[in-house]
Amino acid sequence: MEFAFINSAESLNDYIVSQRRSNRWNCIFIDEIQDIPEFEKALRSLLLDEKNDIYITGSNAKMLSGELATYLSGRYIEFTIYSLSYLEFLDFHHLPDNDDSYFP
């Protein structure tokens, strides 16, 4: 809810511009970007500044389609990240594979 006011490409761009440092490298992280209409316009504008390093995440089909590549004019690298399997989760948290781990 803290960022509910960011509801358009313009408000996204305005907020990021107001927060970034012009004399420093800026790592910008935006989660669930598909919830912002026309977000690609803001991203294209922000990418014009070489000091902006932008990371976006999304969880819908539009984010996985080739359509995103068209919007960003090839200026992106895509990483597909999968959730952990149950056994990987146990290993990550150093838990045994037993009923106590499954039903805490």
PDB file of N, CA and C in Angstrom:
ATOM      1  N   MET A   1       0.815  -1.206   0.000  1.00  0.00           N
ATOM      2  CA  MET A   1       0.000   0.000   0.000  1.00  0.00           C
ATOM      3  C   MET A   1       0.855   1.266   0.000  1.00  0.00           C
ATOM      4  N   GLU A   2       2.071   1.127   0.487  1.00  0.00           N
ATOM      5  CA  GLU A   2       2.947   2.295   0.580  1.00  0.00           C
ATOM      6  C   GLU A   2       3.189   2.948  -0.781  1.00  0.00           C
ATOM      7  N   PHE A   3       3.137   2.142  -1.840  1.00  0.00           N
ATOM      8  CA  PHE A   3       3.413   2.670  -3.167  1.00  0.00           C
ATOM      9  C   PHE A   3       2.172   2.674  -4.062  1.00  0.00           C
ATOM     10  N   ALA A   4       1.001   2.670  -3.487  1.00  0.00           N
ATOM     11  CA  ALA A   4      -0.245   2.639  -4.258  1.00  0.00           C
ATOM     12  C   ALA A   4      -0.396   3.864  -5.167  1.00  0.00           C
ATOM     13  N   PHE A   5       0.268   4.939  -4.826  1.00  0.00           N
ATOM     14  CA  PHE A   5       0.194   6.153  -5.652  1.00  0.00           C
ATOM     15  C   PHE A   5       0.915   5.983  -6.988  1.00  0.00           C
ATOM     16  N   ILE A   6       1.744   4.972  -7.111  1.00  0.00           N
ATOM     17  CA  ILE A   6       2.434   4.714  -8.379  1.00  0.00           C
ATOM     18  C   ILE A   6       1.500   3.853  -9.225  1.00  0.00           C
ATOM     19  N   ASN A   7       0.701   4.517 -10.036  1.00  0.00           N
ATOM     20  CA  ASN A   7      -0.325   3.823 -10.800  1.00  0.00           C
ATOM     21  C   ASN A   7      -0.309   4.158 -12.288  1.00  0.00           C
ATOM     22  N   SER A   8       0.804   4.727 -12.745  1.00  0.00           N
ATOM     23  CA  SER A   8       0.951   5.032 -14.168  1.00  0.00           C
ATOM     24  C   SER A   8       2.441   5.115 -14.487  1.00  0.00           C
ATOM     25  N   ALA A   9       2.754   5.087 -15.767  1.00  0.00           N
ATOM     26  CA  ALA A   9       4.152   5.222 -16.183  1.00  0.00           C
ATOM     27  C   ALA A   9       4.722   6.551 -15.712  1.00  0.00           C
ATOM     28  N   GLU A  10       3.916   7.587 -15.777  1.00  0.00           N
ATOM     29  CA  GLU A  10       4.372   8.919 -15.364  1.00  0.00           C
ATOM     30  C   GLU A  10       4.671   8.972 -13.866  1.00  0.00           C
ATOM     31  N   SER A  11       3.785   8.411 -13.047  1.00  0.00           N
ATOM     32  CA  SER A  11       4.032   8.454 -11.597  1.00  0.00           C
ATOM     33  C   SER A  11       5.220   7.563 -11.220  1.00  0.00           C
ATOM     34  N   LEU A  12       5.416   6.460 -11.938  1.00  0.00           N
ATOM     35  CA  LEU A  12       6.587   5.614 -11.702  1.00  0.00           C
ATOM     36  C   LEU A  12       7.861   6.382 -12.027  1.00  0.00           C
ATOM     37  N   ASN A  13       7.899   6.995 -13.180  1.00  0.00           N
ATOM     38  CA  ASN A  13       9.065   7.774 -13.590  1.00  0.00           C
ATOM     39  C   ASN A  13       9.326   8.924 -12.616  1.00  0.00           C
ATOM     40  N   ASP A  14       8.298   9.655 -12.251  1.00  0.00           N
ATOM     41  CA  ASP A  14       8.455  10.791 -11.339  1.00  0.00           C
ATOM     42  C   ASP A  14       9.017  10.350  -9.991  1.00  0.00           C
ATOM     43  N   TYR A  15       8.514   9.241  -9.467  1.00  0.00           N
ATOM     44  CA  TYR A  15       8.986   8.771  -8.169  1.00  0.00           C
ATOM     45  C   TYR A  15      10.458   8.368  -8.238  1.00  0.00           C
ATOM     46  N   ILE A  16      10.817   7.611  -9.250  1.00  0.00           N
ATOM     47  CA  ILE A  16      12.207   7.157  -9.350  1.00  0.00           C
ATOM     48  C   ILE A  16      13.145   8.334  -9.572  1.00  0.00           C
ATOM     49  N   VAL A  17      12.777   9.261 -10.420  1.00  0.00           N
ATOM     50  CA  VAL A  17      13.615  10.440 -10.660  1.00  0.00           C
ATOM     51  C   VAL A  17      13.789  11.233  -9.366  1.00  0.00           C
ATOM     52  N   SER A  18      12.750  11.310  -8.555  1.00  0.00           N
ATOM     53  CA  SER A  18      12.853  12.070  -7.300  1.00  0.00           C
ATOM     54  C   SER A  18      13.746  11.376  -6.264  1.00  0.00           C
ATOM     55  N   GLN A  19      13.929  10.071  -6.392  1.00  0.00           N
ATOM     56  CA  GLN A  19      14.698   9.308  -5.408  1.00  0.00           C
ATOM     57  C   GLN A  19      16.139   9.018  -5.821  1.00  0.00           C
ATOM     58  N   ARG A  20      16.423   9.039  -7.105  1.00  0.00           N
ATOM     59  CA  ARG A  20      17.765   8.649  -7.559  1.00  0.00           C
ATOM     60  C   ARG A  20      18.779   9.747  -7.290  1.00  0.00           C
ATOM     61  N   ARG A  21      20.036   9.359  -7.314  1.00  0.00           N
ATOM     62  CA  ARG A  21      21.150  10.288  -7.105  1.00  0.00           C
ATOM     63  C   ARG A  21      21.833  10.517  -8.449  1.00  0.00           C
ATOM     64  N   SER A  22      21.874  11.728  -8.904  1.00  0.00           N
ATOM     65  CA  SER A  22      22.409  12.022 -10.231  1.00  0.00           C
ATOM     66  C   SER A  22      23.912  11.810 -10.322  1.00  0.00           C
ATOM     67  N   ASN A  23      24.615  11.866  -9.214  1.00  0.00           N
ATOM     68  CA  ASN A  23      26.072  11.735  -9.242  1.00  0.00           C
ATOM     69  C   ASN A  23      26.542  10.335  -8.856  1.00  0.00           C
ATOM     70  N   ARG A  24      25.628   9.373  -8.749  1.00  0.00           N
ATOM     71  CA  ARG A  24      25.969   8.015  -8.326  1.00  0.00           C
ATOM     72  C   ARG A  24      25.282   6.974  -9.201  1.00  0.00           C
ATOM     73  N   TRP A  25      25.769   5.752  -9.101  1.00  0.00           N
ATOM     74  CA  TRP A  25      25.132   4.626  -9.763  1.00  0.00           C
ATOM     75  C   TRP A  25      23.842   4.304  -9.021  1.00  0.00           C
ATOM     76  N   ASN A  26      22.747   4.066  -9.725  1.00  0.00           N
ATOM     77  CA  ASN A  26      21.456   3.784  -9.125  1.00  0.00           C
ATOM     78  C   ASN A  26      20.981   2.386  -9.500  1.00  0.00           C
ATOM     79  N   CYS A  27      20.821   1.530  -8.514  1.00  0.00           N
ATOM     80  CA  CYS A  27      20.216   0.212  -8.722  1.00  0.00           C
ATOM     81  C   CYS A  27      18.741   0.352  -8.382  1.00  0.00           C
ATOM     82  N   ILE A  28      17.893   0.156  -9.366  1.00  0.00           N
ATOM     83  CA  ILE A  28      16.460   0.358  -9.207  1.00  0.00           C
ATOM     84  C   ILE A  28      15.760  -1.002  -9.311  1.00  0.00           C
ATOM     85  N   PHE A  29      15.018  -1.366  -8.263  1.00  0.00           N
ATOM     86  CA  PHE A  29      14.303  -2.634  -8.218  1.00  0.00           C
ATOM     87  C   PHE A  29      12.808  -2.350  -8.200  1.00  0.00           C
ATOM     88  N   ILE A  30      12.081  -2.944  -9.144  1.00  0.00           N
ATOM     89  CA  ILE A  30      10.629  -2.753  -9.222  1.00  0.00           C
ATOM     90  C   ILE A  30       9.977  -4.132  -9.290  1.00  0.00           C
ATOM     91  N   ASP A  31       9.149  -4.426  -8.296  1.00  0.00           N
ATOM     92  CA  ASP A  31       8.475  -5.716  -8.221  1.00  0.00           C
ATOM     93  C   ASP A  31       7.069  -5.619  -8.800  1.00  0.00           C
ATOM     94  N   GLU A  32       6.636  -6.663  -9.464  1.00  0.00           N
ATOM     95  CA  GLU A  32       5.289  -6.753 -10.051  1.00  0.00           C
ATOM     96  C   GLU A  32       4.991  -5.554 -10.946  1.00  0.00           C
ATOM     97  N   ILE A  33       5.906  -5.263 -11.810  1.00  0.00           N
ATOM     98  CA  ILE A  33       5.798  -4.070 -12.656  1.00  0.00           C
ATOM     99  C   ILE A  33       4.596  -4.117 -13.597  1.00  0.00           C
ATOM    100  N   GLN A  34       4.100  -5.314 -13.920  1.00  0.00           N
ATOM    101  CA  GLN A  34       2.962  -5.405 -14.834  1.00  0.00           C
ATOM    102  C   GLN A  34       1.712  -4.747 -14.263  1.00  0.00           C
ATOM    103  N   ASP A  35       1.707  -4.432 -12.965  1.00  0.00           N
ATOM    104  CA  ASP A  35       0.559  -3.764 -12.349  1.00  0.00           C
ATOM    105  C   ASP A  35       0.512  -2.266 -12.666  1.00  0.00           C
ATOM    106  N   ILE A  36       1.544  -1.753 -13.291  1.00  0.00           N
ATOM    107  CA  ILE A  36       1.605  -0.328 -13.635  1.00  0.00           C
ATOM    108  C   ILE A  36       1.336  -0.188 -15.131  1.00  0.00           C
ATOM    109  N   PRO A  37       0.211   0.414 -15.505  1.00  0.00           N
ATOM    110  CA  PRO A  37      -0.114   0.563 -16.925  1.00  0.00           C
ATOM    111  C   PRO A  37       0.989   1.315 -17.683  1.00  0.00           C
ATOM    112  N   GLU A  38       1.339   0.793 -18.836  1.00  0.00           N
ATOM    113  CA  GLU A  38       2.331   1.398 -19.736  1.00  0.00           C
ATOM    114  C   GLU A  38       3.698   1.574 -19.066  1.00  0.00           C
ATOM    115  N   PHE A  39       4.063   0.659 -18.169  1.00  0.00           N
ATOM    116  CA  PHE A  39       5.335   0.739 -17.453  1.00  0.00           C
ATOM    117  C   PHE A  39       6.530   0.840 -18.386  1.00  0.00           C
ATOM    118  N   GLU A  40       6.396   0.256 -19.581  1.00  0.00           N
ATOM    119  CA  GLU A  40       7.522   0.251 -20.519  1.00  0.00           C
ATOM    120  C   GLU A  40       7.950   1.660 -20.925  1.00  0.00           C
ATOM    121  N   LYS A  41       7.034   2.619 -20.925  1.00  0.00           N
ATOM    122  CA  LYS A  41       7.385   4.008 -21.244  1.00  0.00           C
ATOM    123  C   LYS A  41       8.340   4.573 -20.193  1.00  0.00           C
ATOM    124  N   ALA A  42       8.043   4.313 -18.934  1.00  0.00           N
ATOM    125  CA  ALA A  42       8.922   4.789 -17.859  1.00  0.00           C
ATOM    126  C   ALA A  42      10.276   4.103 -17.937  1.00  0.00           C
ATOM    127  N   LEU A  43      10.282   2.806 -18.194  1.00  0.00           N
ATOM    128  CA  LEU A  43      11.553   2.079 -18.272  1.00  0.00           C
ATOM    129  C   LEU A  43      12.427   2.601 -19.406  1.00  0.00           C
ATOM    130  N   ARG A  44      11.828   2.824 -20.566  1.00  0.00           N
ATOM    131  CA  ARG A  44      12.611   3.354 -21.692  1.00  0.00           C
ATOM    132  C   ARG A  44      13.223   4.705 -21.338  1.00  0.00           C
ATOM    133  N   SER A  45      12.457   5.542 -20.657  1.00  0.00           N
ATOM    134  CA  SER A  45      12.963   6.855 -20.256  1.00  0.00           C
ATOM    135  C   SER A  45      14.098   6.712 -19.241  1.00  0.00           C
ATOM    136  N   LEU A  46      13.917   5.855 -18.251  1.00  0.00           N
ATOM    137  CA  LEU A  46      14.931   5.667 -17.216  1.00  0.00           C
ATOM    138  C   LEU A  46      16.201   5.038 -17.769  1.00  0.00           C
ATOM    139  N   LEU A  47      16.070   4.203 -18.791  1.00  0.00           N
ATOM    140  CA  LEU A  47      17.236   3.552 -19.386  1.00  0.00           C
ATOM    141  C   LEU A  47      18.123   4.526 -20.161  1.00  0.00           C
ATOM    142  N   LEU A  48      17.628   5.706 -20.440  1.00  0.00           N
ATOM    143  CA  LEU A  48      18.433   6.708 -21.137  1.00  0.00           C
ATOM    144  C   LEU A  48      19.598   7.192 -20.277  1.00  0.00           C
ATOM    145  N   ASP A  49      19.451   7.084 -18.974  1.00  0.00           N
ATOM    146  CA  ASP A  49      20.520   7.467 -18.050  1.00  0.00           C
ATOM    147  C   ASP A  49      21.369   6.229 -17.776  1.00  0.00           C
ATOM    148  N   GLU A  50      22.612   6.253 -18.219  1.00  0.00           N
ATOM    149  CA  GLU A  50      23.499   5.096 -18.083  1.00  0.00           C
ATOM    150  C   GLU A  50      23.837   4.769 -16.634  1.00  0.00           C
ATOM    151  N   LYS A  51      23.531   5.659 -15.706  1.00  0.00           N
ATOM    152  CA  LYS A  51      23.785   5.396 -14.288  1.00  0.00           C
ATOM    153  C   LYS A  51      22.643   4.636 -13.627  1.00  0.00           C
ATOM    154  N   ASN A  52      21.604   4.330 -14.391  1.00  0.00           N
ATOM    155  CA  ASN A  52      20.482   3.549 -13.869  1.00  0.00           C
ATOM    156  C   ASN A  52      20.655   2.088 -14.255  1.00  0.00           C
ATOM    157  N   ASP A  53      20.654   1.229 -13.271  1.00  0.00           N
ATOM    158  CA  ASP A  53      20.674  -0.209 -13.477  1.00  0.00           C
ATOM    159  C   ASP A  53      19.330  -0.710 -12.965  1.00  0.00           C
ATOM    160  N   ILE A  54      18.465  -1.167 -13.849  1.00  0.00           N
ATOM    161  CA  ILE A  54      17.079  -1.442 -13.496  1.00  0.00           C
ATOM    162  C   ILE A  54      16.806  -2.942 -13.493  1.00  0.00           C
ATOM    163  N   TYR A  55      16.160  -3.399 -12.412  1.00  0.00           N
ATOM    164  CA  TYR A  55      15.758  -4.797 -12.266  1.00  0.00           C
ATOM    165  C   TYR A  55      14.258  -4.822 -12.042  1.00  0.00           C
ATOM    166  N   ILE A  56      13.556  -5.571 -12.875  1.00  0.00           N
ATOM    167  CA  ILE A  56      12.104  -5.656 -12.726  1.00  0.00           C
ATOM    168  C   ILE A  56      11.701  -7.120 -12.562  1.00  0.00           C
ATOM    169  N   THR A  57      10.609  -7.328 -11.846  1.00  0.00           N
ATOM    170  CA  THR A  57      10.030  -8.656 -11.723  1.00  0.00           C
ATOM    171  C   THR A  57       8.567  -8.588 -12.085  1.00  0.00           C
ATOM    172  N   GLY A  58       8.065  -9.711 -12.509  1.00  0.00           N
ATOM    173  CA  GLY A  58       6.654  -9.795 -12.836  1.00  0.00           C
ATOM    174  C   GLY A  58       6.212 -11.230 -12.788  1.00  0.00           C
ATOM    175  N   SER A  59       4.918 -11.432 -12.670  1.00  0.00           N
ATOM    176  CA  SER A  59       4.423 -12.790 -12.513  1.00  0.00           C
ATOM    177  C   SER A  59       3.258 -13.108 -13.438  1.00  0.00           C
ATOM    178  N   ASN A  60       3.172 -12.440 -14.557  1.00  0.00           N
ATOM    179  CA  ASN A  60       2.091 -12.812 -15.469  1.00  0.00           C
ATOM    180  C   ASN A  60       2.647 -13.138 -16.851  1.00  0.00           C
ATOM    181  N   ALA A  61       1.800 -13.583 -17.730  1.00  0.00           N
ATOM    182  CA  ALA A  61       2.226 -14.052 -19.044  1.00  0.00           C
ATOM    183  C   ALA A  61       2.863 -12.946 -19.883  1.00  0.00           C
ATOM    184  N   LYS A  62       2.436 -11.713 -19.697  1.00  0.00           N
ATOM    185  CA  LYS A  62       3.009 -10.620 -20.480  1.00  0.00           C
ATOM    186  C   LYS A  62       4.512 -10.492 -20.211  1.00  0.00           C
ATOM    187  N   MET A  63       4.904 -10.722 -18.979  1.00  0.00           N
ATOM    188  CA  MET A  63       6.316 -10.611 -18.628  1.00  0.00           C
ATOM    189  C   MET A  63       7.133 -11.716 -19.282  1.00  0.00           C
ATOM    190  N   LEU A  64       6.505 -12.818 -19.621  1.00  0.00           N
ATOM    191  CA  LEU A  64       7.220 -13.943 -20.210  1.00  0.00           C
ATOM    192  C   LEU A  64       7.185 -13.930 -21.729  1.00  0.00           C
ATOM    193  N   SER A  65       6.453 -13.039 -22.301  1.00  0.00           N
ATOM    194  CA  SER A  65       6.290 -13.047 -23.754  1.00  0.00           C
ATOM    195  C   SER A  65       7.373 -12.241 -24.447  1.00  0.00           C
ATOM    196  N   GLY A  66       7.505 -12.460 -25.737  1.00  0.00           N
ATOM    197  CA  GLY A  66       8.441 -11.695 -26.544  1.00  0.00           C
ATOM    198  C   GLY A  66       8.014 -10.243 -26.671  1.00  0.00           C
ATOM    199  N   GLU A  67       6.781  -9.954 -26.285  1.00  0.00           N
ATOM    200  CA  GLU A  67       6.265  -8.583 -26.341  1.00  0.00           C
ATOM    201  C   GLU A  67       7.101  -7.651 -25.478  1.00  0.00           C
ATOM    202  N   LEU A  68       7.584  -8.127 -24.362  1.00  0.00           N
ATOM    203  CA  LEU A  68       8.410  -7.308 -23.471  1.00  0.00           C
ATOM    204  C   LEU A  68       9.690  -6.879 -24.175  1.00  0.00           C
ATOM    205  N   ALA A  69      10.292  -7.770 -24.929  1.00  0.00           N
ATOM    206  CA  ALA A  69      11.517  -7.448 -25.667  1.00  0.00           C
ATOM    207  C   ALA A  69      11.269  -6.309 -26.650  1.00  0.00           C
ATOM    208  N   THR A  70      10.104  -6.315 -27.278  1.00  0.00           N
ATOM    209  CA  THR A  70       9.760  -5.245 -28.219  1.00  0.00           C
ATOM    210  C   THR A  70       9.646  -3.914 -27.491  1.00  0.00           C
ATOM    211  N   TYR A  71       8.995  -3.915 -26.324  1.00  0.00           N
ATOM    212  CA  TYR A  71       8.831  -2.685 -25.550  1.00  0.00           C
ATOM    213  C   TYR A  71      10.168  -2.088 -25.122  1.00  0.00           C
ATOM    214  N   LEU A  72      11.113  -2.932 -24.782  1.00  0.00           N
ATOM    215  CA  LEU A  72      12.379  -2.451 -24.241  1.00  0.00           C
ATOM    216  C   LEU A  72      13.481  -2.374 -25.297  1.00  0.00           C
ATOM    217  N   SER A  73      13.144  -2.615 -26.532  1.00  0.00           N
ATOM    218  CA  SER A  73      14.072  -2.464 -27.663  1.00  0.00           C
ATOM    219  C   SER A  73      15.354  -3.264 -27.478  1.00  0.00           C
ATOM    220  N   GLY A  74      15.238  -4.476 -26.959  1.00  0.00           N
ATOM    221  CA  GLY A  74      16.399  -5.343 -26.826  1.00  0.00           C
ATOM    222  C   GLY A  74      17.368  -4.970 -25.724  1.00  0.00           C
ATOM    223  N   ARG A  75      17.023  -4.014 -24.878  1.00  0.00           N
ATOM    224  CA  ARG A  75      17.934  -3.568 -23.819  1.00  0.00           C
ATOM    225  C   ARG A  75      17.609  -4.270 -22.500  1.00  0.00           C
ATOM    226  N   TYR A  76      17.671  -5.584 -22.534  1.00  0.00           N
ATOM    227  CA  TYR A  76      17.354  -6.312 -21.309  1.00  0.00           C
ATOM    228  C   TYR A  76      18.023  -7.681 -21.338  1.00  0.00           C
ATOM    229  N   ILE A  77      18.162  -8.253 -20.182  1.00  0.00           N
ATOM    230  CA  ILE A  77      18.606  -9.634 -20.020  1.00  0.00           C
ATOM    231  C   ILE A  77      17.549 -10.312 -19.171  1.00  0.00           C
ATOM    232  N   GLU A  78      17.057 -11.431 -19.632  1.00  0.00           N
ATOM    233  CA  GLU A  78      15.991 -12.124 -18.914  1.00  0.00           C
ATOM    234  C   GLU A  78      16.561 -13.272 -18.095  1.00  0.00           C
ATOM    235  N   PHE A  79      16.117 -13.367 -16.853  1.00  0.00           N
ATOM    236  CA  PHE A  79      16.453 -14.480 -15.971  1.00  0.00           C
ATOM    237  C   PHE A  79      15.148 -15.160 -15.583  1.00  0.00           C
ATOM    238  N   THR A  80      15.046 -16.436 -15.821  1.00  0.00           N
ATOM    239  CA  THR A  80      13.884 -17.187 -15.364  1.00  0.00           C
ATOM    240  C   THR A  80      14.252 -17.798 -14.028  1.00  0.00           C
ATOM    241  N   ILE A  81      13.474 -17.515 -13.008  1.00  0.00           N
ATOM    242  CA  ILE A  81      13.751 -18.003 -11.660  1.00  0.00           C
ATOM    243  C   ILE A  81      12.602 -18.895 -11.228  1.00  0.00           C
ATOM    244  N   TYR A  82      12.938 -20.092 -10.854  1.00  0.00           N
ATOM    245  CA  TYR A  82      11.941 -21.056 -10.423  1.00  0.00           C
ATOM    246  C   TYR A  82      11.933 -21.146  -8.905  1.00  0.00           C
ATOM    247  N   SER A  83      10.807 -21.529  -8.358  1.00  0.00           N
ATOM    248  CA  SER A  83      10.725 -21.725  -6.914  1.00  0.00           C
ATOM    249  C   SER A  83      11.486 -22.996  -6.536  1.00  0.00           C
ATOM    250  N   LEU A  84      11.833 -23.097  -5.266  1.00  0.00           N
ATOM    251  CA  LEU A  84      12.527 -24.279  -4.776  1.00  0.00           C
ATOM    252  C   LEU A  84      11.576 -25.467  -4.708  1.00  0.00           C
ATOM    253  N   SER A  85      12.095 -26.650  -5.000  1.00  0.00           N
ATOM    254  CA  SER A  85      11.316 -27.859  -4.756  1.00  0.00           C
ATOM    255  C   SER A  85      11.286 -28.078  -3.242  1.00  0.00           C
ATOM    256  N   TYR A  86      10.464 -28.999  -2.797  1.00  0.00           N
ATOM    257  CA  TYR A  86      10.376 -29.275  -1.365  1.00  0.00           C
ATOM    258  C   TYR A  86      11.729 -29.720  -0.815  1.00  0.00           C
ATOM    259  N   LEU A  87      12.405 -30.616  -1.531  1.00  0.00           N
ATOM    260  CA  LEU A  87      13.711 -31.087  -1.064  1.00  0.00           C
ATOM    261  C   LEU A  87      14.760 -29.975  -1.069  1.00  0.00           C
ATOM    262  N   GLU A  88      14.706 -29.114  -2.056  1.00  0.00           N
ATOM    263  CA  GLU A  88      15.629 -27.969  -2.079  1.00  0.00           C
ATOM    264  C   GLU A  88      15.354 -27.021  -0.908  1.00  0.00           C
ATOM    265  N   PHE A  89      14.087 -26.825  -0.604  1.00  0.00           N
ATOM    266  CA  PHE A  89      13.704 -25.998   0.538  1.00  0.00           C
ATOM    267  C   PHE A  89      14.280 -26.566   1.830  1.00  0.00           C
ATOM    268  N   LEU A  90      14.123 -27.867   2.016  1.00  0.00           N
ATOM    269  CA  LEU A  90      14.667 -28.510   3.212  1.00  0.00           C
ATOM    270  C   LEU A  90      16.178 -28.335   3.285  1.00  0.00           C
ATOM    271  N   ASP A  91      16.836 -28.545   2.169  1.00  0.00           N
ATOM    272  CA  ASP A  91      18.286 -28.407   2.129  1.00  0.00           C
ATOM    273  C   ASP A  91      18.706 -26.968   2.436  1.00  0.00           C
ATOM    274  N   PHE A  92      18.010 -26.013   1.862  1.00  0.00           N
ATOM    275  CA  PHE A  92      18.320 -24.597   2.064  1.00  0.00           C
ATOM    276  C   PHE A  92      18.213 -24.211   3.535  1.00  0.00           C
ATOM    277  N   HIS A  93      17.206 -24.738   4.206  1.00  0.00           N
ATOM    278  CA  HIS A  93      16.967 -24.410   5.618  1.00  0.00           C
ATOM    279  C   HIS A  93      17.591 -25.425   6.580  1.00  0.00           C
ATOM    280  N   HIS A  94      18.354 -26.369   6.035  1.00  0.00           N
ATOM    281  CA  HIS A  94      19.033 -27.388   6.852  1.00  0.00           C
ATOM    282  C   HIS A  94      18.035 -28.157   7.721  1.00  0.00           C
ATOM    283  N   LEU A  95      16.945 -28.579   7.093  1.00  0.00           N
ATOM    284  CA  LEU A  95      15.905 -29.331   7.792  1.00  0.00           C
ATOM    285  C   LEU A  95      15.926 -30.787   7.342  1.00  0.00           C
ATOM    286  N   PRO A  96      15.560 -31.681   8.227  1.00  0.00           N
ATOM    287  CA  PRO A  96      15.475 -33.087   7.833  1.00  0.00           C
ATOM    288  C   PRO A  96      14.195 -33.345   7.038  1.00  0.00           C
ATOM    289  N   ASP A  97      14.211 -34.398   6.236  1.00  0.00           N
ATOM    290  CA  ASP A  97      13.022 -34.773   5.460  1.00  0.00           C
ATOM    291  C   ASP A  97      12.174 -35.714   6.307  1.00  0.00           C
ATOM    292  N   ASN A  98      11.324 -35.128   7.171  1.00  0.00           N
ATOM    293  CA  ASN A  98      10.449 -35.935   8.019  1.00  0.00           C
ATOM    294  C   ASN A  98       9.145 -35.169   8.262  1.00  0.00           C
ATOM    295  N   ASP A  99       8.241 -35.808   8.975  1.00  0.00           N
ATOM    296  CA  ASP A  99       6.931 -35.201   9.219  1.00  0.00           C
ATOM    297  C   ASP A  99       7.012 -33.913  10.026  1.00  0.00           C
ATOM    298  N   ASP A 100       8.004 -33.790  10.903  1.00  0.00           N
ATOM    299  CA  ASP A 100       8.135 -32.567  11.695  1.00  0.00           C
ATOM    300  C   ASP A 100       8.464 -31.361  10.820  1.00  0.00           C
ATOM    301  N   SER A 101       9.198 -31.577   9.759  1.00  0.00           N
ATOM    302  CA  SER A 101       9.524 -30.478   8.834  1.00  0.00           C
ATOM    303  C   SER A 101       8.328 -30.129   7.956  1.00  0.00           C
ATOM    304  N   TYR A 102       7.537 -31.157   7.620  1.00  0.00           N
ATOM    305  CA  TYR A 102       6.382 -30.943   6.733  1.00  0.00           C
ATOM    306  C   TYR A 102       5.198 -30.358   7.485  1.00  0.00           C
ATOM    307  N   PHE A 103       5.001 -30.780   8.718  1.00  0.00           N
ATOM    308  CA  PHE A 103       3.892 -30.297   9.543  1.00  0.00           C
ATOM    309  C   PHE A 103       4.456 -29.667  10.821  1.00  0.00           C
ATOM    310  N   PRO A 104       4.918 -28.422  10.741  1.00  0.00           N
ATOM    311  CA  PRO A 104       5.533 -27.812  11.943  1.00  0.00           C
ATOM    312  C   PRO A 104       4.547 -27.562  13.062  1.00  0.00           C
TER     313      PRO A 104
END
